[in-house]
Amino acid sequence: MMNSEKPYDVITMGRSCIDLYSNDVGAPFVDISSFASYVGGSPTNIAVGTNRLGLNTALLTAVGEDPVGDFILNFLKKEGVSTQYIPRKPGSRSSAVILGIEPPDRFPLVYYRDNAADIYLTIDDVLATPIQDTKVFEVSGTGLSKDPSRSATYFACEQAHAAGATVMIDLDFRADQWFDIRAFGVYVRGLLPLVDIAIGTEEEIKAAMLMDTSKVSTGYSQISAPTVEGDIDSAIENILQRGPSTVVVKRGAKGASVYQRNGKHMDVPGFPVQVYNVLGAGDAFASGFIYGIVHEWDFYKATRMGNACGAIVVTRHGCANFMGYEQEVLEFVELNGGF
């Protein structure tokens, strides 16, 4: 049972950035003439998404002493996400991502994360955050890509696990953020004993468990999602044997599947919509899923809520700025087959 006395429903930890989305939908990247500016970064998107769903949410990220950091913090404060635990990191830069939109299946993106402020999150930053006072604690795989963020993420998960929070990891495999992509699986596997729920795409789950990284093809500048050879069922079972009680596989238009250590497995259908932009769908899914966990719903209903949040976002231009609100999502579910 969730501890209803904890002041925070969810605290997320990891990267934040300014997202520059192409205004020329359908145009090749080289022909883009202008961009719209939003806020992004997987844990940041999830913080906004869960807050819009009515959860009491805090975010542990870091920004530079720069106007981009001001932009990110201003948006989060307007949204009502607790920003009091977000440090400024002198000498670093708030990061950025530039994104193209070429439906139905090309969404090229380029990361600007050299000297990124959030990668300098430290154990001291974790100690300054009330990790013990949240029901759900969520981190992302990219936070493990470099120290000191890696050590801080491990430490934070230790703190959350010891305090009885539900610890979640979104695998968030961004191959170009790793000096050696073999390290992605090494550090994820090391963290799994502290994790209750792992969420990822099939490719991310296989990459996390894959020892032979010659079987990973990342594509040019992440224009394509990583392609990973291997057996998904074996990878899921491997994760479940290492600590988590639950693995959630995001399957895009097909919805999502939930695998539990007790042998239970369910496929939860998605919602048919016209896709405008898939970027941010996974973070919207996680927001809805966490909403269900906090409200102590069963996994089917929580996953259905996640699918609805994802379906809403793929019809819109960006990520955090376009997350659904609680009543909006519940009405969407009701109008499209219910839970």
C-alpha atoms as a PDB file:
ATOM      1  CA  MET A   1       0.000   0.000   0.000  1.00  0.00           C
ATOM      2  CA  MET A   2       1.169   3.555  -0.720  1.00  0.00           C
ATOM      3  CA  ASN A   3       2.090   5.656   2.294  1.00  0.00           C
ATOM      4  CA  SER A   4      -0.609   8.338   2.080  1.00  0.00           C
ATOM      5  CA  GLU A   5       1.192  10.486   4.659  1.00  0.00           C
ATOM      6  CA  LYS A   6       4.208  11.224   2.448  1.00  0.00           C
ATOM      7  CA  PRO A   7       4.042  14.835   1.198  1.00  0.00           C
ATOM      8  CA  TYR A   8       5.171  14.102  -2.367  1.00  0.00           C
ATOM      9  CA  ASP A   9       3.440  11.712  -4.719  1.00  0.00           C
ATOM     10  CA  VAL A  10       6.427  11.589  -7.055  1.00  0.00           C
ATOM     11  CA  ILE A  11       9.935  12.967  -7.331  1.00  0.00           C
ATOM     12  CA  THR A  12      11.721  12.560 -10.653  1.00  0.00           C
ATOM     13  CA  MET A  13      15.476  12.908 -11.159  1.00  0.00           C
ATOM     14  CA  GLY A  14      17.628  13.521 -14.225  1.00  0.00           C
ATOM     15  CA  ARG A  15      17.985  15.615 -17.325  1.00  0.00           C
ATOM     16  CA  SER A  16      16.277  18.841 -18.316  1.00  0.00           C
ATOM     17  CA  CYS A  17      16.680  21.010 -21.405  1.00  0.00           C
ATOM     18  CA  ILE A  18      15.209  23.491 -23.811  1.00  0.00           C
ATOM     19  CA  ASP A  19      13.572  21.699 -26.755  1.00  0.00           C
ATOM     20  CA  LEU A  20      13.576  23.425 -30.132  1.00  0.00           C
ATOM     21  CA  TYR A  21      10.897  21.780 -32.275  1.00  0.00           C
ATOM     22  CA  SER A  22      10.632  22.281 -36.009  1.00  0.00           C
ATOM     23  CA  ASN A  23       7.714  24.465 -37.065  1.00  0.00           C
ATOM     24  CA  ASP A  24       7.999  23.004 -40.579  1.00  0.00           C
ATOM     25  CA  VAL A  25       6.262  19.695 -39.993  1.00  0.00           C
ATOM     26  CA  GLY A  26       7.147  17.229 -42.724  1.00  0.00           C
ATOM     27  CA  ALA A  27      10.161  19.181 -43.954  1.00  0.00           C
ATOM     28  CA  PRO A  28      13.576  17.471 -44.081  1.00  0.00           C
ATOM     29  CA  PHE A  29      15.849  18.639 -41.291  1.00  0.00           C
ATOM     30  CA  VAL A  30      18.049  20.627 -43.681  1.00  0.00           C
ATOM     31  CA  ASP A  31      15.026  22.643 -44.839  1.00  0.00           C
ATOM     32  CA  ILE A  32      13.705  23.686 -41.417  1.00  0.00           C
ATOM     33  CA  SER A  33      13.222  27.465 -41.306  1.00  0.00           C
ATOM     34  CA  SER A  34      12.100  28.019 -37.697  1.00  0.00           C
ATOM     35  CA  PHE A  35      11.675  26.318 -34.351  1.00  0.00           C
ATOM     36  CA  ALA A  36       9.292  26.570 -31.383  1.00  0.00           C
ATOM     37  CA  SER A  37      10.864  26.560 -27.917  1.00  0.00           C
ATOM     38  CA  TYR A  38       9.570  24.234 -25.200  1.00  0.00           C
ATOM     39  CA  VAL A  39      10.914  22.480 -22.108  1.00  0.00           C
ATOM     40  CA  GLY A  40      12.074  18.867 -22.280  1.00  0.00           C
ATOM     41  CA  GLY A  41      14.156  16.042 -20.854  1.00  0.00           C
ATOM     42  CA  SER A  42      12.556  12.743 -19.835  1.00  0.00           C
ATOM     43  CA  PRO A  43      12.339  13.200 -16.020  1.00  0.00           C
ATOM     44  CA  THR A  44      11.316  16.838 -16.532  1.00  0.00           C
ATOM     45  CA  ASN A  45       8.546  15.839 -18.923  1.00  0.00           C
ATOM     46  CA  ILE A  46       7.336  13.246 -16.442  1.00  0.00           C
ATOM     47  CA  ALA A  47       7.361  15.779 -13.603  1.00  0.00           C
ATOM     48  CA  VAL A  48       5.178  18.123 -15.652  1.00  0.00           C
ATOM     49  CA  GLY A  49       2.945  15.288 -16.802  1.00  0.00           C
ATOM     50  CA  THR A  50       2.274  13.939 -13.318  1.00  0.00           C
ATOM     51  CA  ASN A  51       1.742  17.443 -11.954  1.00  0.00           C
ATOM     52  CA  ARG A  52      -0.881  18.154 -14.626  1.00  0.00           C
ATOM     53  CA  LEU A  53      -2.605  14.942 -13.582  1.00  0.00           C
ATOM     54  CA  GLY A  54      -2.994  16.359 -10.089  1.00  0.00           C
ATOM     55  CA  LEU A  55      -0.058  14.694  -8.315  1.00  0.00           C
ATOM     56  CA  ASN A  56       2.189  16.605  -5.926  1.00  0.00           C
ATOM     57  CA  THR A  57       5.450  16.518  -7.864  1.00  0.00           C
ATOM     58  CA  ALA A  58       9.033  17.663  -7.343  1.00  0.00           C
ATOM     59  CA  LEU A  59      11.929  17.564  -9.791  1.00  0.00           C
ATOM     60  CA  LEU A  60      15.618  17.025  -9.040  1.00  0.00           C
ATOM     61  CA  THR A  61      17.592  18.274 -12.012  1.00  0.00           C
ATOM     62  CA  ALA A  62      20.205  21.007 -12.449  1.00  0.00           C
ATOM     63  CA  VAL A  63      20.502  24.018 -14.728  1.00  0.00           C
ATOM     64  CA  GLY A  64      23.315  26.417 -15.546  1.00  0.00           C
ATOM     65  CA  GLU A  65      23.548  30.050 -14.520  1.00  0.00           C
ATOM     66  CA  ASP A  66      22.258  31.060 -17.925  1.00  0.00           C
ATOM     67  CA  PRO A  67      19.072  32.298 -19.644  1.00  0.00           C
ATOM     68  CA  VAL A  68      18.158  28.759 -20.720  1.00  0.00           C
ATOM     69  CA  GLY A  69      18.135  27.757 -17.066  1.00  0.00           C
ATOM     70  CA  ASP A  70      15.859  30.736 -16.380  1.00  0.00           C
ATOM     71  CA  PHE A  71      13.579  29.553 -19.202  1.00  0.00           C
ATOM     72  CA  ILE A  72      13.320  26.030 -17.772  1.00  0.00           C
ATOM     73  CA  LEU A  73      12.733  27.152 -14.179  1.00  0.00           C
ATOM     74  CA  ASN A  74      10.178  29.777 -15.196  1.00  0.00           C
ATOM     75  CA  PHE A  75       8.108  27.190 -17.050  1.00  0.00           C
ATOM     76  CA  LEU A  76       8.263  24.677 -14.200  1.00  0.00           C
ATOM     77  CA  LYS A  77       7.229  27.288 -11.633  1.00  0.00           C
ATOM     78  CA  LYS A  78       4.269  28.330 -13.763  1.00  0.00           C
ATOM     79  CA  GLU A  79       3.261  24.682 -14.012  1.00  0.00           C
ATOM     80  CA  GLY A  80       3.410  24.230 -10.247  1.00  0.00           C
ATOM     81  CA  VAL A  81       6.205  21.647 -10.204  1.00  0.00           C
ATOM     82  CA  SER A  82       8.330  22.029  -7.079  1.00  0.00           C
ATOM     83  CA  THR A  83      11.686  23.516  -8.168  1.00  0.00           C
ATOM     84  CA  GLN A  84      13.211  24.221  -4.762  1.00  0.00           C
ATOM     85  CA  TYR A  85      15.590  21.253  -5.056  1.00  0.00           C
ATOM     86  CA  ILE A  86      16.997  22.252  -8.459  1.00  0.00           C
ATOM     87  CA  PRO A  87      20.535  23.635  -8.078  1.00  0.00           C
ATOM     88  CA  ARG A  88      22.362  25.977 -10.420  1.00  0.00           C
ATOM     89  CA  LYS A  89      25.723  24.640 -11.539  1.00  0.00           C
ATOM     90  CA  PRO A  90      28.294  27.418 -12.175  1.00  0.00           C
ATOM     91  CA  GLY A  91      30.518  26.803 -15.177  1.00  0.00           C
ATOM     92  CA  SER A  92      28.050  24.406 -16.821  1.00  0.00           C
ATOM     93  CA  ARG A  93      25.311  24.942 -19.408  1.00  0.00           C
ATOM     94  CA  SER A  94      21.622  24.134 -19.420  1.00  0.00           C
ATOM     95  CA  SER A  95      21.287  21.618 -22.238  1.00  0.00           C
ATOM     96  CA  ALA A  96      19.318  21.739 -25.489  1.00  0.00           C
ATOM     97  CA  VAL A  97      17.779  19.400 -28.040  1.00  0.00           C
ATOM     98  CA  ILE A  98      16.863  20.273 -31.627  1.00  0.00           C
ATOM     99  CA  LEU A  99      14.104  18.166 -33.137  1.00  0.00           C
ATOM    100  CA  GLY A 100      12.682  17.619 -36.593  1.00  0.00           C
ATOM    101  CA  ILE A 101       9.172  16.322 -37.289  1.00  0.00           C
ATOM    102  CA  GLU A 102       8.717  14.178 -40.397  1.00  0.00           C
ATOM    103  CA  PRO A 103       5.643  11.976 -39.842  1.00  0.00           C
ATOM    104  CA  PRO A 104       4.925   9.134 -39.817  1.00  0.00           C
ATOM    105  CA  ASP A 105       8.262   7.637 -38.830  1.00  0.00           C
ATOM    106  CA  ARG A 106      11.134  10.156 -38.991  1.00  0.00           C
ATOM    107  CA  PHE A 107      11.761  12.348 -35.976  1.00  0.00           C
ATOM    108  CA  PRO A 108      15.454  13.306 -36.070  1.00  0.00           C
ATOM    109  CA  LEU A 109      16.907  14.883 -32.950  1.00  0.00           C
ATOM    110  CA  VAL A 110      20.294  16.263 -31.991  1.00  0.00           C
ATOM    111  CA  TYR A 111      21.467  16.618 -28.391  1.00  0.00           C
ATOM    112  CA  TYR A 112      23.599  19.491 -27.133  1.00  0.00           C
ATOM    113  CA  ARG A 113      24.770  18.137 -23.789  1.00  0.00           C
ATOM    114  CA  ASP A 114      28.481  18.898 -23.624  1.00  0.00           C
ATOM    115  CA  ASN A 115      29.038  20.215 -20.094  1.00  0.00           C
ATOM    116  CA  ALA A 116      25.328  19.729 -19.314  1.00  0.00           C
ATOM    117  CA  ALA A 117      24.363  21.068 -15.896  1.00  0.00           C
ATOM    118  CA  ASP A 118      22.226  18.085 -14.891  1.00  0.00           C
ATOM    119  CA  ILE A 119      25.105  15.645 -15.338  1.00  0.00           C
ATOM    120  CA  TYR A 120      26.774  17.458 -12.406  1.00  0.00           C
ATOM    121  CA  LEU A 121      24.089  16.445  -9.912  1.00  0.00           C
ATOM    122  CA  THR A 122      25.849  15.188  -6.786  1.00  0.00           C
ATOM    123  CA  ILE A 123      25.195  13.144  -3.677  1.00  0.00           C
ATOM    124  CA  ASP A 124      24.964  16.453  -1.784  1.00  0.00           C
ATOM    125  CA  ASP A 125      22.146  17.519  -4.122  1.00  0.00           C
ATOM    126  CA  VAL A 126      20.357  14.274  -3.304  1.00  0.00           C
ATOM    127  CA  LEU A 127      20.818  14.833   0.420  1.00  0.00           C
ATOM    128  CA  ALA A 128      19.245  18.288   0.001  1.00  0.00           C
ATOM    129  CA  THR A 129      16.151  16.687  -1.560  1.00  0.00           C
ATOM    130  CA  PRO A 130      13.516  14.904   0.590  1.00  0.00           C
ATOM    131  CA  ILE A 131      13.771  11.586  -1.263  1.00  0.00           C
ATOM    132  CA  GLN A 132      12.415   9.812   1.813  1.00  0.00           C
ATOM    133  CA  ASP A 133       9.206  11.867   1.556  1.00  0.00           C
ATOM    134  CA  THR A 134       7.902  10.596  -1.774  1.00  0.00           C
ATOM    135  CA  LYS A 135       5.671   7.678  -2.717  1.00  0.00           C
ATOM    136  CA  VAL A 136       7.251   7.161  -6.157  1.00  0.00           C
ATOM    137  CA  PHE A 137      10.839   7.965  -7.122  1.00  0.00           C
ATOM    138  CA  GLU A 138      11.685   7.925 -10.837  1.00  0.00           C
ATOM    139  CA  VAL A 139      15.069   8.134 -12.581  1.00  0.00           C
ATOM    140  CA  SER A 140      16.257   7.777 -16.164  1.00  0.00           C
ATOM    141  CA  GLY A 141      19.036   5.764 -17.758  1.00  0.00           C
ATOM    142  CA  THR A 142      20.777   8.832 -19.146  1.00  0.00           C
ATOM    143  CA  GLY A 143      21.517   9.948 -15.602  1.00  0.00           C
ATOM    144  CA  LEU A 144      23.838   6.941 -15.350  1.00  0.00           C
ATOM    145  CA  SER A 145      25.930   7.938 -18.361  1.00  0.00           C
ATOM    146  CA  LYS A 146      28.508  10.027 -16.463  1.00  0.00           C
ATOM    147  CA  ASP A 147      29.643  10.916 -12.983  1.00  0.00           C
ATOM    148  CA  PRO A 148      28.823  12.643 -10.692  1.00  0.00           C
ATOM    149  CA  SER A 149      25.219  12.158 -11.856  1.00  0.00           C
ATOM    150  CA  ARG A 150      25.722   8.381 -11.972  1.00  0.00           C
ATOM    151  CA  SER A 151      26.809   8.147  -8.326  1.00  0.00           C
ATOM    152  CA  ALA A 152      24.067  10.566  -7.280  1.00  0.00           C
ATOM    153  CA  THR A 153      21.436   8.460  -9.057  1.00  0.00           C
ATOM    154  CA  TYR A 154      22.617   5.270  -7.380  1.00  0.00           C
ATOM    155  CA  PHE A 155      22.648   6.996  -3.993  1.00  0.00           C
ATOM    156  CA  ALA A 156      19.183   8.496  -4.518  1.00  0.00           C
ATOM    157  CA  CYS A 157      17.749   5.094  -5.421  1.00  0.00           C
ATOM    158  CA  GLU A 158      19.319   3.639  -2.278  1.00  0.00           C
ATOM    159  CA  GLN A 159      17.657   6.366  -0.221  1.00  0.00           C
ATOM    160  CA  ALA A 160      14.262   5.926  -1.887  1.00  0.00           C
ATOM    161  CA  HIS A 161      14.413   2.130  -1.639  1.00  0.00           C
ATOM    162  CA  ALA A 162      15.291   2.283   2.055  1.00  0.00           C
ATOM    163  CA  ALA A 163      12.403   4.692   2.677  1.00  0.00           C
ATOM    164  CA  GLY A 164       9.891   2.318   1.062  1.00  0.00           C
ATOM    165  CA  ALA A 165       9.174   4.371  -2.067  1.00  0.00           C
ATOM    166  CA  THR A 166       8.295   2.674  -5.325  1.00  0.00           C
ATOM    167  CA  VAL A 167      11.510   3.100  -7.336  1.00  0.00           C
ATOM    168  CA  MET A 168      11.116   3.326 -11.102  1.00  0.00           C
ATOM    169  CA  ILE A 169      13.614   3.602 -13.932  1.00  0.00           C
ATOM    170  CA  ASP A 170      12.822   4.707 -17.452  1.00  0.00           C
ATOM    171  CA  LEU A 171      15.676   3.057 -19.350  1.00  0.00           C
ATOM    172  CA  ASP A 172      15.966   6.076 -21.665  1.00  0.00           C
ATOM    173  CA  PHE A 173      18.766   4.658 -23.847  1.00  0.00           C
ATOM    174  CA  ARG A 174      20.360   7.546 -25.734  1.00  0.00           C
ATOM    175  CA  ALA A 175      23.372   5.847 -27.282  1.00  0.00           C
ATOM    176  CA  ASP A 176      25.217   9.034 -28.219  1.00  0.00           C
ATOM    177  CA  GLN A 177      25.292  10.101 -24.561  1.00  0.00           C
ATOM    178  CA  TRP A 178      27.555   7.200 -23.603  1.00  0.00           C
ATOM    179  CA  PHE A 179      31.319   7.203 -24.069  1.00  0.00           C
ATOM    180  CA  ASP A 180      31.041   3.424 -24.475  1.00  0.00           C
ATOM    181  CA  ILE A 181      27.581   2.011 -25.163  1.00  0.00           C
ATOM    182  CA  ARG A 182      28.545  -1.229 -23.428  1.00  0.00           C
ATOM    183  CA  ALA A 183      28.472   0.753 -20.186  1.00  0.00           C
ATOM    184  CA  PHE A 184      24.723   1.394 -20.522  1.00  0.00           C
ATOM    185  CA  GLY A 185      23.865  -2.193 -19.652  1.00  0.00           C
ATOM    186  CA  VAL A 186      26.603  -2.449 -17.035  1.00  0.00           C
ATOM    187  CA  TYR A 187      25.254   0.444 -14.978  1.00  0.00           C
ATOM    188  CA  VAL A 188      21.574  -0.330 -15.511  1.00  0.00           C
ATOM    189  CA  ARG A 189      22.115  -3.914 -14.398  1.00  0.00           C
ATOM    190  CA  GLY A 190      23.950  -2.666 -11.328  1.00  0.00           C
ATOM    191  CA  LEU A 191      21.016  -0.443 -10.367  1.00  0.00           C
ATOM    192  CA  LEU A 192      18.242  -3.005 -10.863  1.00  0.00           C
ATOM    193  CA  PRO A 193      18.374  -4.513  -7.334  1.00  0.00           C
ATOM    194  CA  LEU A 194      17.143  -1.123  -6.063  1.00  0.00           C
ATOM    195  CA  VAL A 195      14.364  -0.837  -8.678  1.00  0.00           C
ATOM    196  CA  ASP A 196      10.735  -1.954  -8.367  1.00  0.00           C
ATOM    197  CA  ILE A 197       9.490  -1.106 -11.882  1.00  0.00           C
ATOM    198  CA  ALA A 198      11.518  -0.822 -15.096  1.00  0.00           C
ATOM    199  CA  ILE A 199      10.006   0.850 -18.161  1.00  0.00           C
ATOM    200  CA  GLY A 200      11.386   0.840 -21.686  1.00  0.00           C
ATOM    201  CA  THR A 201      10.899   0.045 -25.326  1.00  0.00           C
ATOM    202  CA  GLU A 202      11.808  -3.400 -26.623  1.00  0.00           C
ATOM    203  CA  GLU A 203      15.119  -2.021 -27.927  1.00  0.00           C
ATOM    204  CA  GLU A 204      15.979  -0.383 -24.598  1.00  0.00           C
ATOM    205  CA  ILE A 205      15.180  -3.525 -22.633  1.00  0.00           C
ATOM    206  CA  LYS A 206      17.276  -5.698 -24.931  1.00  0.00           C
ATOM    207  CA  ALA A 207      20.146  -3.179 -24.835  1.00  0.00           C
ATOM    208  CA  ALA A 208      20.108  -3.158 -21.033  1.00  0.00           C
ATOM    209  CA  MET A 209      20.575  -6.928 -20.915  1.00  0.00           C
ATOM    210  CA  LEU A 210      22.782  -7.383 -23.978  1.00  0.00           C
ATOM    211  CA  MET A 211      26.432  -8.245 -23.402  1.00  0.00           C
ATOM    212  CA  ASP A 212      27.419  -8.257 -27.103  1.00  0.00           C
ATOM    213  CA  THR A 213      26.970  -4.631 -28.169  1.00  0.00           C
ATOM    214  CA  SER A 214      28.047  -5.400 -31.719  1.00  0.00           C
ATOM    215  CA  LYS A 215      24.343  -6.199 -32.055  1.00  0.00           C
ATOM    216  CA  VAL A 216      23.344  -2.569 -31.378  1.00  0.00           C
ATOM    217  CA  SER A 217      22.897  -0.209 -34.334  1.00  0.00           C
ATOM    218  CA  THR A 218      22.176   3.362 -33.285  1.00  0.00           C
ATOM    219  CA  GLY A 219      21.768   5.116 -36.620  1.00  0.00           C
ATOM    220  CA  TYR A 220      23.030   8.577 -37.536  1.00  0.00           C
ATOM    221  CA  SER A 221      22.707  11.141 -34.726  1.00  0.00           C
ATOM    222  CA  GLN A 222      19.774   9.247 -33.232  1.00  0.00           C
ATOM    223  CA  ILE A 223      17.638   9.848 -36.343  1.00  0.00           C
ATOM    224  CA  SER A 224      16.662   6.222 -35.881  1.00  0.00           C
ATOM    225  CA  ALA A 225      15.928   4.599 -32.560  1.00  0.00           C
ATOM    226  CA  PRO A 226      18.536   1.997 -31.567  1.00  0.00           C
ATOM    227  CA  THR A 227      18.058  -1.358 -33.268  1.00  0.00           C
ATOM    228  CA  VAL A 228      19.053  -4.211 -30.982  1.00  0.00           C
ATOM    229  CA  GLU A 229      19.234  -7.882 -31.843  1.00  0.00           C
ATOM    230  CA  GLY A 230      18.242 -10.429 -29.241  1.00  0.00           C
ATOM    231  CA  ASP A 231      15.276 -12.107 -27.611  1.00  0.00           C
ATOM    232  CA  ILE A 232      12.930  -9.740 -25.810  1.00  0.00           C
ATOM    233  CA  ASP A 233      11.409 -12.437 -23.587  1.00  0.00           C
ATOM    234  CA  SER A 234      14.821 -13.481 -22.292  1.00  0.00           C
ATOM    235  CA  ALA A 235      15.745  -9.856 -21.634  1.00  0.00           C
ATOM    236  CA  ILE A 236      12.545  -9.269 -19.664  1.00  0.00           C
ATOM    237  CA  GLU A 237      13.099 -12.403 -17.587  1.00  0.00           C
ATOM    238  CA  ASN A 238      16.685 -11.338 -16.943  1.00  0.00           C
ATOM    239  CA  ILE A 239      15.529  -7.980 -15.593  1.00  0.00           C
ATOM    240  CA  LEU A 240      12.925  -9.600 -13.353  1.00  0.00           C
ATOM    241  CA  GLN A 241      15.567 -11.909 -11.891  1.00  0.00           C
ATOM    242  CA  ARG A 242      17.768  -8.941 -10.969  1.00  0.00           C
ATOM    243  CA  GLY A 243      15.395  -7.090  -8.652  1.00  0.00           C
ATOM    244  CA  PRO A 244      12.360  -5.388 -10.234  1.00  0.00           C
ATOM    245  CA  SER A 245       9.007  -7.027  -9.644  1.00  0.00           C
ATOM    246  CA  THR A 246       7.573  -5.493 -12.813  1.00  0.00           C
ATOM    247  CA  VAL A 247       8.753  -4.670 -16.334  1.00  0.00           C
ATOM    248  CA  VAL A 248       6.643  -2.457 -18.589  1.00  0.00           C
ATOM    249  CA  VAL A 249       7.315  -2.623 -22.329  1.00  0.00           C
ATOM    250  CA  LYS A 250       6.183   0.389 -24.363  1.00  0.00           C
ATOM    251  CA  ARG A 251       4.968  -0.774 -27.781  1.00  0.00           C
ATOM    252  CA  GLY A 252       3.862   2.463 -29.449  1.00  0.00           C
ATOM    253  CA  ALA A 253       0.556   2.208 -31.284  1.00  0.00           C
ATOM    254  CA  LYS A 254       0.065  -1.304 -29.897  1.00  0.00           C
ATOM    255  CA  GLY A 255      -0.067   0.027 -26.343  1.00  0.00           C
ATOM    256  CA  ALA A 256       2.096  -1.579 -23.664  1.00  0.00           C
ATOM    257  CA  SER A 257       2.756  -4.929 -22.015  1.00  0.00           C
ATOM    258  CA  VAL A 258       3.295  -5.627 -18.328  1.00  0.00           C
ATOM    259  CA  TYR A 259       5.408  -8.530 -17.067  1.00  0.00           C
ATOM    260  CA  GLN A 260       5.561  -9.462 -13.384  1.00  0.00           C
ATOM    261  CA  ARG A 261       7.984 -11.649 -11.460  1.00  0.00           C
ATOM    262  CA  ASN A 262       5.056 -13.797 -10.321  1.00  0.00           C
ATOM    263  CA  GLY A 263       4.567 -14.899 -13.935  1.00  0.00           C
ATOM    264  CA  LYS A 264       1.620 -12.666 -14.754  1.00  0.00           C
ATOM    265  CA  HIS A 265       1.666 -10.977 -18.163  1.00  0.00           C
ATOM    266  CA  MET A 266      -0.834  -8.643 -19.772  1.00  0.00           C
ATOM    267  CA  ASP A 267      -1.025  -6.758 -23.057  1.00  0.00           C
ATOM    268  CA  VAL A 268      -2.839  -3.460 -22.631  1.00  0.00           C
ATOM    269  CA  PRO A 269      -4.202  -1.917 -25.846  1.00  0.00           C
ATOM    270  CA  GLY A 270      -3.510   1.654 -26.861  1.00  0.00           C
ATOM    271  CA  PHE A 271      -5.834   4.233 -28.376  1.00  0.00           C
ATOM    272  CA  PRO A 272      -6.002   4.776 -32.150  1.00  0.00           C
ATOM    273  CA  VAL A 273      -5.092   8.380 -33.020  1.00  0.00           C
ATOM    274  CA  GLN A 274      -3.557  10.268 -35.927  1.00  0.00           C
ATOM    275  CA  VAL A 275       0.158  10.641 -35.116  1.00  0.00           C
ATOM    276  CA  TYR A 276       1.606  14.139 -35.396  1.00  0.00           C
ATOM    277  CA  ASN A 277       4.799  13.737 -33.356  1.00  0.00           C
ATOM    278  CA  VAL A 278       5.867  10.674 -31.353  1.00  0.00           C
ATOM    279  CA  LEU A 279       8.530  12.497 -29.319  1.00  0.00           C
ATOM    280  CA  GLY A 280       7.458  12.680 -25.691  1.00  0.00           C
ATOM    281  CA  ALA A 281       4.929   9.858 -25.933  1.00  0.00           C
ATOM    282  CA  GLY A 282       6.933   7.597 -23.643  1.00  0.00           C
ATOM    283  CA  ASP A 283       7.228  10.263 -20.974  1.00  0.00           C
ATOM    284  CA  ALA A 284       3.507  10.953 -21.183  1.00  0.00           C
ATOM    285  CA  PHE A 285       2.935   7.208 -20.793  1.00  0.00           C
ATOM    286  CA  ALA A 286       5.099   7.124 -17.669  1.00  0.00           C
ATOM    287  CA  SER A 287       3.156  10.077 -16.225  1.00  0.00           C
ATOM    288  CA  GLY A 288      -0.173   8.300 -16.602  1.00  0.00           C
ATOM    289  CA  PHE A 289       1.233   5.024 -15.346  1.00  0.00           C
ATOM    290  CA  ILE A 290       2.638   6.708 -12.223  1.00  0.00           C
ATOM    291  CA  TYR A 291      -0.765   8.357 -11.677  1.00  0.00           C
ATOM    292  CA  GLY A 292      -2.275   4.883 -11.552  1.00  0.00           C
ATOM    293  CA  ILE A 293       0.403   3.564  -9.194  1.00  0.00           C
ATOM    294  CA  VAL A 294      -0.085   6.468  -6.779  1.00  0.00           C
ATOM    295  CA  HIS A 295      -3.846   5.872  -6.835  1.00  0.00           C
ATOM    296  CA  GLU A 296      -3.223   2.145  -6.190  1.00  0.00           C
ATOM    297  CA  TRP A 297      -4.866   1.022  -9.398  1.00  0.00           C
ATOM    298  CA  ASP A 298      -4.160  -2.421 -10.803  1.00  0.00           C
ATOM    299  CA  PHE A 299      -1.524  -2.617 -13.528  1.00  0.00           C
ATOM    300  CA  TYR A 300      -4.034  -2.949 -16.348  1.00  0.00           C
ATOM    301  CA  LYS A 301      -5.838   0.250 -15.427  1.00  0.00           C
ATOM    302  CA  ALA A 302      -2.585   2.139 -14.696  1.00  0.00           C
ATOM    303  CA  THR A 303      -1.154   1.084 -18.054  1.00  0.00           C
ATOM    304  CA  ARG A 304      -4.345   2.059 -19.842  1.00  0.00           C
ATOM    305  CA  MET A 305      -4.037   5.506 -18.250  1.00  0.00           C
ATOM    306  CA  GLY A 306      -0.458   5.679 -19.471  1.00  0.00           C
ATOM    307  CA  ASN A 307      -1.513   4.708 -22.978  1.00  0.00           C
ATOM    308  CA  ALA A 308      -4.135   7.456 -22.976  1.00  0.00           C
ATOM    309  CA  CYS A 309      -1.612  10.105 -21.941  1.00  0.00           C
ATOM    310  CA  GLY A 310       0.736   8.948 -24.682  1.00  0.00           C
ATOM    311  CA  ALA A 311      -2.026   8.951 -27.284  1.00  0.00           C
ATOM    312  CA  ILE A 312      -2.921  12.541 -26.459  1.00  0.00           C
ATOM    313  CA  VAL A 313       0.666  13.794 -26.708  1.00  0.00           C
ATOM    314  CA  VAL A 314       1.402  12.176 -30.099  1.00  0.00           C
ATOM    315  CA  THR A 315      -1.303  14.380 -31.616  1.00  0.00           C
ATOM    316  CA  ARG A 316       0.549  17.536 -30.486  1.00  0.00           C
ATOM    317  CA  HIS A 317       3.679  19.485 -31.303  1.00  0.00           C
ATOM    318  CA  GLY A 318       5.941  18.947 -28.267  1.00  0.00           C
ATOM    319  CA  CYS A 319       6.481  17.179 -24.946  1.00  0.00           C
ATOM    320  CA  ALA A 320       6.185  18.847 -21.532  1.00  0.00           C
ATOM    321  CA  ASN A 321       4.172  21.822 -22.774  1.00  0.00           C
ATOM    322  CA  PHE A 322       1.527  19.528 -24.253  1.00  0.00           C
ATOM    323  CA  MET A 323       0.976  16.944 -21.510  1.00  0.00           C
ATOM    324  CA  GLY A 324      -2.665  16.163 -20.772  1.00  0.00           C
ATOM    325  CA  TYR A 325      -4.546  17.308 -17.680  1.00  0.00           C
ATOM    326  CA  GLU A 326      -6.318  14.895 -15.331  1.00  0.00           C
ATOM    327  CA  GLN A 327      -9.903  15.553 -16.375  1.00  0.00           C
ATOM    328  CA  GLU A 328      -8.955  15.769 -20.025  1.00  0.00           C
ATOM    329  CA  VAL A 329      -7.279  12.350 -19.956  1.00  0.00           C
ATOM    330  CA  LEU A 330     -10.058  10.689 -17.971  1.00  0.00           C
ATOM    331  CA  GLU A 331     -12.639  12.004 -20.426  1.00  0.00           C
ATOM    332  CA  PHE A 332     -10.491  10.813 -23.357  1.00  0.00           C
ATOM    333  CA  VAL A 333     -10.438   7.303 -21.857  1.00  0.00           C
ATOM    334  CA  GLU A 334     -14.194   7.359 -21.259  1.00  0.00           C
ATOM    335  CA  LEU A 335     -14.858   8.409 -24.867  1.00  0.00           C
ATOM    336  CA  ASN A 336     -12.515   5.783 -26.276  1.00  0.00           C
ATOM    337  CA  GLY A 337     -13.502   2.497 -24.693  1.00  0.00           C
ATOM    338  CA  GLY A 338     -12.859   3.173 -21.011  1.00  0.00           C
ATOM    339  CA  PHE A 339     -10.513   1.337 -18.716  1.00  0.00           C
END
